Amino acid sequence: MEIEEMLAQADYLMHIAVSKCDSWEDAQDLVQETILDGLHAIRKGVDINNARNWLCTVLNKDWQYMMKK
């Protein structure tokens, strides 16, 4: 996954995050965390074939973690 490919998914991720979160701010935080996770994965050299699927999976896991807090 390239950085540009990941950032191209930001609007799609925001759409999903807004549907899950109670506030716009929480949705923004969730997308930011997801993108940061993606940047860390790129830096570590993780092989990601489908950026959208990978990022959506991470977003869902981050959302579940947020709900546990």
PDB file of N, CA and C in Angstrom:
ATOM      1  N   MET A   1       0.861  -1.180   0.000  1.00  0.00           N
ATOM      2  CA  MET A   1       0.000   0.000   0.000  1.00  0.00           C
ATOM      3  C   MET A   1       0.896   1.228   0.000  1.00  0.00           C
ATOM      4  N   GLU A   2       0.569   2.165  -0.851  1.00  0.00           N
ATOM      5  CA  GLU A   2       1.270   3.434  -0.916  1.00  0.00           C
ATOM      6  C   GLU A   2       0.508   4.472  -0.097  1.00  0.00           C
ATOM      7  N   ILE A   3       1.216   5.496   0.340  1.00  0.00           N
ATOM      8  CA  ILE A   3       0.594   6.548   1.143  1.00  0.00           C
ATOM      9  C   ILE A   3      -0.558   7.205   0.385  1.00  0.00           C
ATOM     10  N   GLU A   4      -0.352   7.485  -0.896  1.00  0.00           N
ATOM     11  CA  GLU A   4      -1.389   8.134  -1.699  1.00  0.00           C
ATOM     12  C   GLU A   4      -2.641   7.263  -1.802  1.00  0.00           C
ATOM     13  N   GLU A   5      -2.434   5.966  -1.947  1.00  0.00           N
ATOM     14  CA  GLU A   5      -3.551   5.027  -2.034  1.00  0.00           C
ATOM     15  C   GLU A   5      -4.346   5.021  -0.729  1.00  0.00           C
ATOM     16  N   MET A   6      -3.627   5.082   0.382  1.00  0.00           N
ATOM     17  CA  MET A   6      -4.275   5.086   1.682  1.00  0.00           C
ATOM     18  C   MET A   6      -5.052   6.387   1.894  1.00  0.00           C
ATOM     19  N   LEU A   7      -4.432   7.514   1.587  1.00  0.00           N
ATOM     20  CA  LEU A   7      -5.092   8.798   1.797  1.00  0.00           C
ATOM     21  C   LEU A   7      -6.300   8.981   0.884  1.00  0.00           C
ATOM     22  N   ALA A   8      -6.295   8.312  -0.258  1.00  0.00           N
ATOM     23  CA  ALA A   8      -7.436   8.387  -1.172  1.00  0.00           C
ATOM     24  C   ALA A   8      -8.687   7.760  -0.560  1.00  0.00           C
ATOM     25  N   GLN A   9      -8.527   6.959   0.477  1.00  0.00           N
ATOM     26  CA  GLN A   9      -9.652   6.293   1.141  1.00  0.00           C
ATOM     27  C   GLN A   9     -10.221   7.107   2.302  1.00  0.00           C
ATOM     28  N   ALA A  10      -9.652   8.286   2.584  1.00  0.00           N
ATOM     29  CA  ALA A  10     -10.046   9.061   3.762  1.00  0.00           C
ATOM     30  C   ALA A  10     -11.532   9.416   3.758  1.00  0.00           C
ATOM     31  N   ASP A  11     -12.067   9.847   2.621  1.00  0.00           N
ATOM     32  CA  ASP A  11     -13.493  10.208   2.567  1.00  0.00           C
ATOM     33  C   ASP A  11     -14.381   8.991   2.835  1.00  0.00           C
ATOM     34  N   TYR A  12     -14.004   7.874   2.261  1.00  0.00           N
ATOM     35  CA  TYR A  12     -14.768   6.636   2.474  1.00  0.00           C
ATOM     36  C   TYR A  12     -14.727   6.241   3.957  1.00  0.00           C
ATOM     37  N   LEU A  13     -13.541   6.325   4.562  1.00  0.00           N
ATOM     38  CA  LEU A  13     -13.399   6.005   5.979  1.00  0.00           C
ATOM     39  C   LEU A  13     -14.235   6.944   6.840  1.00  0.00           C
ATOM     40  N   MET A  14     -14.260   8.231   6.464  1.00  0.00           N
ATOM     41  CA  MET A  14     -15.027   9.199   7.238  1.00  0.00           C
ATOM     42  C   MET A  14     -16.513   8.874   7.167  1.00  0.00           C
ATOM     43  N   HIS A  15     -16.980   8.463   6.013  1.00  0.00           N
ATOM     44  CA  HIS A  15     -18.386   8.075   5.852  1.00  0.00           C
ATOM     45  C   HIS A  15     -18.731   6.925   6.812  1.00  0.00           C
ATOM     46  N   ILE A  16     -17.874   5.942   6.876  1.00  0.00           N
ATOM     47  CA  ILE A  16     -18.104   4.805   7.775  1.00  0.00           C
ATOM     48  C   ILE A  16     -18.038   5.252   9.237  1.00  0.00           C
ATOM     49  N   ALA A  17     -17.027   6.063   9.555  1.00  0.00           N
ATOM     50  CA  ALA A  17     -16.847   6.501  10.941  1.00  0.00           C
ATOM     51  C   ALA A  17     -18.030   7.325  11.430  1.00  0.00           C
ATOM     52  N   VAL A  18     -18.568   8.191  10.584  1.00  0.00           N
ATOM     53  CA  VAL A  18     -19.728   9.005  10.971  1.00  0.00           C
ATOM     54  C   VAL A  18     -20.929   8.112  11.276  1.00  0.00           C
ATOM     55  N   SER A  19     -21.065   7.031  10.533  1.00  0.00           N
ATOM     56  CA  SER A  19     -22.197   6.134  10.783  1.00  0.00           C
ATOM     57  C   SER A  19     -22.042   5.363  12.090  1.00  0.00           C
ATOM     58  N   LYS A  20     -20.819   5.227  12.578  1.00  0.00           N
ATOM     59  CA  LYS A  20     -20.572   4.468  13.801  1.00  0.00           C
ATOM     60  C   LYS A  20     -20.539   5.346  15.051  1.00  0.00           C
ATOM     61  N   CYS A  21     -20.094   6.584  14.901  1.00  0.00           N
ATOM     62  CA  CYS A  21     -19.831   7.442  16.065  1.00  0.00           C
ATOM     63  C   CYS A  21     -21.000   8.384  16.350  1.00  0.00           C
ATOM     64  N   ASP A  22     -21.064   8.827  17.605  1.00  0.00           N
ATOM     65  CA  ASP A  22     -22.117   9.750  18.021  1.00  0.00           C
ATOM     66  C   ASP A  22     -21.828  11.192  17.651  1.00  0.00           C
ATOM     67  N   SER A  23     -20.557  11.511  17.414  1.00  0.00           N
ATOM     68  CA  SER A  23     -20.205  12.895  17.110  1.00  0.00           C
ATOM     69  C   SER A  23     -19.203  12.960  15.958  1.00  0.00           C
ATOM     70  N   TRP A  24     -19.212  14.115  15.310  1.00  0.00           N
ATOM     71  CA  TRP A  24     -18.277  14.367  14.203  1.00  0.00           C
ATOM     72  C   TRP A  24     -16.834  14.279  14.702  1.00  0.00           C
ATOM     73  N   GLU A  25     -16.573  14.800  15.889  1.00  0.00           N
ATOM     74  CA  GLU A  25     -15.233  14.799  16.456  1.00  0.00           C
ATOM     75  C   GLU A  25     -14.730  13.379  16.705  1.00  0.00           C
ATOM     76  N   ASP A  26     -15.604  12.531  17.233  1.00  0.00           N
ATOM     77  CA  ASP A  26     -15.222  11.128  17.446  1.00  0.00           C
ATOM     78  C   ASP A  26     -14.928  10.436  16.117  1.00  0.00           C
ATOM     79  N   ALA A  27     -15.727  10.744  15.102  1.00  0.00           N
ATOM     80  CA  ALA A  27     -15.504  10.155  13.778  1.00  0.00           C
ATOM     81  C   ALA A  27     -14.158  10.612  13.211  1.00  0.00           C
ATOM     82  N   GLN A  28     -13.835  11.885  13.370  1.00  0.00           N
ATOM     83  CA  GLN A  28     -12.546  12.397  12.903  1.00  0.00           C
ATOM     84  C   GLN A  28     -11.393  11.712  13.635  1.00  0.00           C
ATOM     85  N   ASP A  29     -11.527  11.569  14.945  1.00  0.00           N
ATOM     86  CA  ASP A  29     -10.491  10.891  15.730  1.00  0.00           C
ATOM     87  C   ASP A  29     -10.300   9.451  15.257  1.00  0.00           C
ATOM     88  N   LEU A  30     -11.399   8.779  14.983  1.00  0.00           N
ATOM     89  CA  LEU A  30     -11.344   7.392  14.537  1.00  0.00           C
ATOM     90  C   LEU A  30     -10.622   7.280  13.188  1.00  0.00           C
ATOM     91  N   VAL A  31     -10.931   8.170  12.258  1.00  0.00           N
ATOM     92  CA  VAL A  31     -10.273   8.154  10.953  1.00  0.00           C
ATOM     93  C   VAL A  31      -8.791   8.493  11.107  1.00  0.00           C
ATOM     94  N   GLN A  32      -8.463   9.456  11.947  1.00  0.00           N
ATOM     95  CA  GLN A  32      -7.059   9.809  12.171  1.00  0.00           C
ATOM     96  C   GLN A  32      -6.277   8.621  12.727  1.00  0.00           C
ATOM     97  N   GLU A  33      -6.860   7.927  13.700  1.00  0.00           N
ATOM     98  CA  GLU A  33      -6.193   6.754  14.267  1.00  0.00           C
ATOM     99  C   GLU A  33      -5.984   5.679  13.206  1.00  0.00           C
ATOM    100  N   THR A  34      -6.987   5.487  12.364  1.00  0.00           N
ATOM    101  CA  THR A  34      -6.901   4.477  11.310  1.00  0.00           C
ATOM    102  C   THR A  34      -5.794   4.826  10.322  1.00  0.00           C
ATOM    103  N   ILE A  35      -5.727   6.080   9.916  1.00  0.00           N
ATOM    104  CA  ILE A  35      -4.695   6.509   8.969  1.00  0.00           C
ATOM    105  C   ILE A  35      -3.315   6.405   9.605  1.00  0.00           C
ATOM    106  N   LEU A  36      -3.194   6.754  10.878  1.00  0.00           N
ATOM    107  CA  LEU A  36      -1.908   6.591  11.567  1.00  0.00           C
ATOM    108  C   LEU A  36      -1.479   5.133  11.599  1.00  0.00           C
ATOM    109  N   ASP A  37      -2.433   4.238  11.855  1.00  0.00           N
ATOM    110  CA  ASP A  37      -2.122   2.807  11.829  1.00  0.00           C
ATOM    111  C   ASP A  37      -1.630   2.391  10.446  1.00  0.00           C
ATOM    112  N   GLY A  38      -2.253   2.946   9.411  1.00  0.00           N
ATOM    113  CA  GLY A  38      -1.822   2.658   8.048  1.00  0.00           C
ATOM    114  C   GLY A  38      -0.425   3.170   7.767  1.00  0.00           C
ATOM    115  N   LEU A  39      -0.118   4.375   8.237  1.00  0.00           N
ATOM    116  CA  LEU A  39       1.231   4.931   8.049  1.00  0.00           C
ATOM    117  C   LEU A  39       2.286   4.088   8.767  1.00  0.00           C
ATOM    118  N   HIS A  40       1.956   3.635   9.965  1.00  0.00           N
ATOM    119  CA  HIS A  40       2.888   2.772  10.705  1.00  0.00           C
ATOM    120  C   HIS A  40       3.106   1.458   9.954  1.00  0.00           C
ATOM    121  N   ALA A  41       2.044   0.908   9.397  1.00  0.00           N
ATOM    122  CA  ALA A  41       2.164  -0.349   8.645  1.00  0.00           C
ATOM    123  C   ALA A  41       3.038  -0.161   7.408  1.00  0.00           C
ATOM    124  N   ILE A  42       2.861   0.957   6.711  1.00  0.00           N
ATOM    125  CA  ILE A  42       3.685   1.242   5.532  1.00  0.00           C
ATOM    126  C   ILE A  42       5.146   1.345   5.933  1.00  0.00           C
ATOM    127  N   ARG A  43       5.394   2.047   7.021  1.00  0.00           N
ATOM    128  CA  ARG A  43       6.781   2.232   7.485  1.00  0.00           C
ATOM    129  C   ARG A  43       7.425   0.904   7.876  1.00  0.00           C
ATOM    130  N   LYS A  44       6.617  -0.011   8.428  1.00  0.00           N
ATOM    131  CA  LYS A  44       7.140  -1.325   8.824  1.00  0.00           C
ATOM    132  C   LYS A  44       7.264  -2.283   7.644  1.00  0.00           C
ATOM    133  N   GLY A  45       6.722  -1.890   6.483  1.00  0.00           N
ATOM    134  CA  GLY A  45       6.830  -2.736   5.306  1.00  0.00           C
ATOM    135  C   GLY A  45       5.766  -3.818   5.209  1.00  0.00           C
ATOM    136  N   VAL A  46       4.643  -3.627   5.896  1.00  0.00           N
ATOM    137  CA  VAL A  46       3.556  -4.602   5.842  1.00  0.00           C
ATOM    138  C   VAL A  46       3.012  -4.650   4.416  1.00  0.00           C
ATOM    139  N   ASP A  47       2.833  -5.855   3.889  1.00  0.00           N
ATOM    140  CA  ASP A  47       2.319  -6.044   2.537  1.00  0.00           C
ATOM    141  C   ASP A  47       0.790  -6.020   2.572  1.00  0.00           C
ATOM    142  N   ILE A  48       0.204  -4.959   2.019  1.00  0.00           N
ATOM    143  CA  ILE A  48      -1.242  -4.783   2.025  1.00  0.00           C
ATOM    144  C   ILE A  48      -1.703  -4.736   0.573  1.00  0.00           C
ATOM    145  N   ASN A  49      -2.496  -5.720   0.183  1.00  0.00           N
ATOM    146  CA  ASN A  49      -2.946  -5.807  -1.205  1.00  0.00           C
ATOM    147  C   ASN A  49      -4.145  -4.919  -1.504  1.00  0.00           C
ATOM    148  N   ASN A  50      -5.052  -4.785  -0.568  1.00  0.00           N
ATOM    149  CA  ASN A  50      -6.271  -4.011  -0.787  1.00  0.00           C
ATOM    150  C   ASN A  50      -6.389  -2.969   0.319  1.00  0.00           C
ATOM    151  N   ALA A  51      -6.039  -1.731   0.001  1.00  0.00           N
ATOM    152  CA  ALA A  51      -5.991  -0.663   0.997  1.00  0.00           C
ATOM    153  C   ALA A  51      -7.346  -0.433   1.655  1.00  0.00           C
ATOM    154  N   ARG A  52      -8.413  -0.396   0.854  1.00  0.00           N
ATOM    155  CA  ARG A  52      -9.737  -0.106   1.414  1.00  0.00           C
ATOM    156  C   ARG A  52     -10.149  -1.173   2.424  1.00  0.00           C
ATOM    157  N   ASN A  53     -10.008  -2.424   2.079  1.00  0.00           N
ATOM    158  CA  ASN A  53     -10.391  -3.500   2.999  1.00  0.00           C
ATOM    159  C   ASN A  53      -9.549  -3.476   4.265  1.00  0.00           C
ATOM    160  N   TRP A  54      -8.256  -3.288   4.109  1.00  0.00           N
ATOM    161  CA  TRP A  54      -7.353  -3.271   5.263  1.00  0.00           C
ATOM    162  C   TRP A  54      -7.712  -2.117   6.191  1.00  0.00           C
ATOM    163  N   LEU A  55      -7.893  -0.928   5.620  1.00  0.00           N
ATOM    164  CA  LEU A  55      -8.218   0.248   6.434  1.00  0.00           C
ATOM    165  C   LEU A  55      -9.576   0.118   7.107  1.00  0.00           C
ATOM    166  N   CYS A  56     -10.556  -0.460   6.422  1.00  0.00           N
ATOM    167  CA  CYS A  56     -11.874  -0.660   7.037  1.00  0.00           C
ATOM    168  C   CYS A  56     -11.802  -1.640   8.201  1.00  0.00           C
ATOM    169  N   THR A  57     -10.996  -2.665   8.062  1.00  0.00           N
ATOM    170  CA  THR A  57     -10.806  -3.613   9.154  1.00  0.00           C
ATOM    171  C   THR A  57     -10.179  -2.922  10.357  1.00  0.00           C
ATOM    172  N   VAL A  58      -9.164  -2.123  10.105  1.00  0.00           N
ATOM    173  CA  VAL A  58      -8.500  -1.385  11.190  1.00  0.00           C
ATOM    174  C   VAL A  58      -9.469  -0.400  11.825  1.00  0.00           C
ATOM    175  N   LEU A  59     -10.247   0.310  11.009  1.00  0.00           N
ATOM    176  CA  LEU A  59     -11.217   1.270  11.536  1.00  0.00           C
ATOM    177  C   LEU A  59     -12.212   0.563  12.452  1.00  0.00           C
ATOM    178  N   ASN A  60     -12.710  -0.591  12.034  1.00  0.00           N
ATOM    179  CA  ASN A  60     -13.664  -1.336  12.867  1.00  0.00           C
ATOM    180  C   ASN A  60     -13.032  -1.784  14.182  1.00  0.00           C
ATOM    181  N   LYS A  61     -11.792  -2.240  14.131  1.00  0.00           N
ATOM    182  CA  LYS A  61     -11.113  -2.651  15.362  1.00  0.00           C
ATOM    183  C   LYS A  61     -10.870  -1.447  16.275  1.00  0.00           C
ATOM    184  N   ASP A  62     -10.468  -0.307  15.702  1.00  0.00           N
ATOM    185  CA  ASP A  62     -10.260   0.903  16.501  1.00  0.00           C
ATOM    186  C   ASP A  62     -11.571   1.376  17.118  1.00  0.00           C
ATOM    187  N   TRP A  63     -12.665   1.267  16.365  1.00  0.00           N
ATOM    188  CA  TRP A  63     -13.968   1.666  16.885  1.00  0.00           C
ATOM    189  C   TRP A  63     -14.381   0.766  18.052  1.00  0.00           C
ATOM    190  N   GLN A  64     -14.170  -0.533  17.909  1.00  0.00           N
ATOM    191  CA  GLN A  64     -14.493  -1.455  18.993  1.00  0.00           C
ATOM    192  C   GLN A  64     -13.669  -1.127  20.240  1.00  0.00           C
ATOM    193  N   TYR A  65     -12.408  -0.777  20.034  1.00  0.00           N
ATOM    194  CA  TYR A  65     -11.566  -0.385  21.169  1.00  0.00           C
ATOM    195  C   TYR A  65     -12.089   0.888  21.821  1.00  0.00           C
ATOM    196  N   MET A  66     -12.518   1.864  20.995  1.00  0.00           N
ATOM    197  CA  MET A  66     -13.084   3.105  21.540  1.00  0.00           C
ATOM    198  C   MET A  66     -14.327   2.822  22.377  1.00  0.00           C
ATOM    199  N   MET A  67     -15.142   1.880  21.948  1.00  0.00           N
ATOM    200  CA  MET A  67     -16.379   1.573  22.653  1.00  0.00           C
ATOM    201  C   MET A  67     -16.108   0.912  24.002  1.00  0.00           C
ATOM    202  N   LYS A  68     -14.983   0.241  24.130  1.00  0.00           N
ATOM    203  CA  LYS A  68     -14.649  -0.422  25.388  1.00  0.00           C
ATOM    204  C   LYS A  68     -14.173   0.560  26.453  1.00  0.00           C
ATOM    205  N   LYS A  69     -13.702   1.714  26.020  1.00  0.00           N
ATOM    206  CA  LYS A  69     -13.186   2.706  26.979  1.00  0.00           C
ATOM    207  C   LYS A  69     -14.271   3.305  27.817  1.00  0.00           C
TER     208      LYS A  69
END
